[in-house]
């Protein structure tokens, strides 16, 4: 059965940077939740240090691929 993509998405919260709690070792990433373009609420994604490191390693290939594609593309000659 085909399903439609969800209209929900999360974005980094404006003017808020990720931070860590030195007492617990947790990493908190401030996010804003949206449904289409309607702001629903602000939440923190809370990860352990190990989860944060694993998440970064999973993101790294996608970030590297996007950068490599943008850097290695050469403009075509206009005729």
C-alpha atoms as a PDB file:
ATOM      1  CA  UNK A   1       0.000   0.000   0.000  1.00  0.00           C
ATOM      2  CA  UNK A   2       1.404   3.390  -1.002  1.00  0.00           C
ATOM      3  CA  UNK A   3       1.410   6.120   1.597  1.00  0.00           C
ATOM      4  CA  UNK A   4       1.725   9.832   1.116  1.00  0.00           C
ATOM      5  CA  UNK A   5       4.699  11.594   2.662  1.00  0.00           C
ATOM      6  CA  UNK A   6       3.955  13.181   5.986  1.00  0.00           C
ATOM      7  CA  UNK A   7       3.582  16.974   5.994  1.00  0.00           C
ATOM      8  CA  UNK A   8       5.460  17.114   9.314  1.00  0.00           C
ATOM      9  CA  UNK A   9       9.076  18.189   9.511  1.00  0.00           C
ATOM     10  CA  UNK A  10      11.586  19.521  12.016  1.00  0.00           C
ATOM     11  CA  UNK A  11      14.092  22.323  11.591  1.00  0.00           C
ATOM     12  CA  UNK A  12      16.824  23.643  13.868  1.00  0.00           C
ATOM     13  CA  UNK A  13      15.355  26.273  16.155  1.00  0.00           C
ATOM     14  CA  UNK A  14      16.379  29.782  15.125  1.00  0.00           C
ATOM     15  CA  UNK A  15      18.977  31.467  17.337  1.00  0.00           C
ATOM     16  CA  UNK A  16      19.455  28.278  19.391  1.00  0.00           C
ATOM     17  CA  UNK A  17      22.570  26.126  19.257  1.00  0.00           C
ATOM     18  CA  UNK A  18      22.971  22.501  20.349  1.00  0.00           C
ATOM     19  CA  UNK A  19      24.409  22.169  23.828  1.00  0.00           C
ATOM     20  CA  UNK A  20      25.548  19.470  26.213  1.00  0.00           C
ATOM     21  CA  UNK A  21      24.719  18.836  29.837  1.00  0.00           C
ATOM     22  CA  UNK A  22      27.995  18.203  31.659  1.00  0.00           C
ATOM     23  CA  UNK A  23      26.190  16.490  34.562  1.00  0.00           C
ATOM     24  CA  UNK A  24      24.379  13.849  32.449  1.00  0.00           C
ATOM     25  CA  UNK A  25      26.456  13.854  29.259  1.00  0.00           C
ATOM     26  CA  UNK A  26      23.307  14.431  27.197  1.00  0.00           C
ATOM     27  CA  UNK A  27      23.406  16.431  23.996  1.00  0.00           C
ATOM     28  CA  UNK A  28      20.350  18.578  23.310  1.00  0.00           C
ATOM     29  CA  UNK A  29      19.474  19.836  19.849  1.00  0.00           C
ATOM     30  CA  UNK A  30      16.780  22.542  19.856  1.00  0.00           C
ATOM     31  CA  UNK A  31      14.208  21.895  17.103  1.00  0.00           C
ATOM     32  CA  UNK A  32      11.007  23.488  15.861  1.00  0.00           C
ATOM     33  CA  UNK A  33       8.255  21.162  14.627  1.00  0.00           C
ATOM     34  CA  UNK A  34       6.115  22.146  11.648  1.00  0.00           C
ATOM     35  CA  UNK A  35       3.145  20.736   9.759  1.00  0.00           C
ATOM     36  CA  UNK A  36       3.645  22.045   6.232  1.00  0.00           C
ATOM     37  CA  UNK A  37       4.598  25.660   7.101  1.00  0.00           C
ATOM     38  CA  UNK A  38       2.677  25.970  10.360  1.00  0.00           C
ATOM     39  CA  UNK A  39       4.819  26.059  13.504  1.00  0.00           C
ATOM     40  CA  UNK A  40       3.443  23.566  16.018  1.00  0.00           C
ATOM     41  CA  UNK A  41       5.900  23.619  18.917  1.00  0.00           C
ATOM     42  CA  UNK A  42       9.526  23.717  19.979  1.00  0.00           C
ATOM     43  CA  UNK A  43      11.195  20.582  21.323  1.00  0.00           C
ATOM     44  CA  UNK A  44      14.690  19.346  22.133  1.00  0.00           C
ATOM     45  CA  UNK A  45      16.102  16.208  20.536  1.00  0.00           C
ATOM     46  CA  UNK A  46      17.951  14.608  23.472  1.00  0.00           C
ATOM     47  CA  UNK A  47      20.751  12.158  22.736  1.00  0.00           C
ATOM     48  CA  UNK A  48      23.361  10.425  24.830  1.00  0.00           C
ATOM     49  CA  UNK A  49      26.918  11.223  23.819  1.00  0.00           C
ATOM     50  CA  UNK A  50      27.199   7.785  22.151  1.00  0.00           C
ATOM     51  CA  UNK A  51      23.928   8.369  20.246  1.00  0.00           C
ATOM     52  CA  UNK A  52      25.139  11.818  19.166  1.00  0.00           C
ATOM     53  CA  UNK A  53      28.407  10.388  17.856  1.00  0.00           C
ATOM     54  CA  UNK A  54      26.589   7.566  16.018  1.00  0.00           C
ATOM     55  CA  UNK A  55      24.115  10.070  14.527  1.00  0.00           C
ATOM     56  CA  UNK A  56      26.957  12.268  13.296  1.00  0.00           C
ATOM     57  CA  UNK A  57      28.638   9.259  11.666  1.00  0.00           C
ATOM     58  CA  UNK A  58      25.368   8.383   9.896  1.00  0.00           C
ATOM     59  CA  UNK A  59      24.980  11.976   8.656  1.00  0.00           C
ATOM     60  CA  UNK A  60      28.591  12.377   7.542  1.00  0.00           C
ATOM     61  CA  UNK A  61      28.264  10.407   4.248  1.00  0.00           C
ATOM     62  CA  UNK A  62      25.205  12.428   3.204  1.00  0.00           C
ATOM     63  CA  UNK A  63      26.920  15.702   4.091  1.00  0.00           C
ATOM     64  CA  UNK A  64      30.111  14.690   2.318  1.00  0.00           C
ATOM     65  CA  UNK A  65      28.219  13.549  -0.795  1.00  0.00           C
ATOM     66  CA  UNK A  66      26.328  16.837  -1.011  1.00  0.00           C
ATOM     67  CA  UNK A  67      29.553  18.840  -0.635  1.00  0.00           C
ATOM     68  CA  UNK A  68      31.511  16.673  -3.073  1.00  0.00           C
ATOM     69  CA  UNK A  69      28.789  16.945  -5.706  1.00  0.00           C
ATOM     70  CA  UNK A  70      28.619  20.708  -5.401  1.00  0.00           C
ATOM     71  CA  UNK A  71      32.400  21.125  -5.473  1.00  0.00           C
ATOM     72  CA  UNK A  72      33.195  18.739  -8.336  1.00  0.00           C
ATOM     73  CA  UNK A  73      30.465  19.871 -10.718  1.00  0.00           C
ATOM     74  CA  UNK A  74      31.818  21.982 -13.545  1.00  0.00           C
ATOM     75  CA  UNK A  75      29.724  24.440 -15.515  1.00  0.00           C
ATOM     76  CA  UNK A  76      28.866  23.299 -19.005  1.00  0.00           C
ATOM     77  CA  UNK A  77      29.839  25.364 -21.994  1.00  0.00           C
ATOM     78  CA  UNK A  78      26.918  27.418 -23.252  1.00  0.00           C
ATOM     79  CA  UNK A  79      26.511  27.162 -27.032  1.00  0.00           C
END
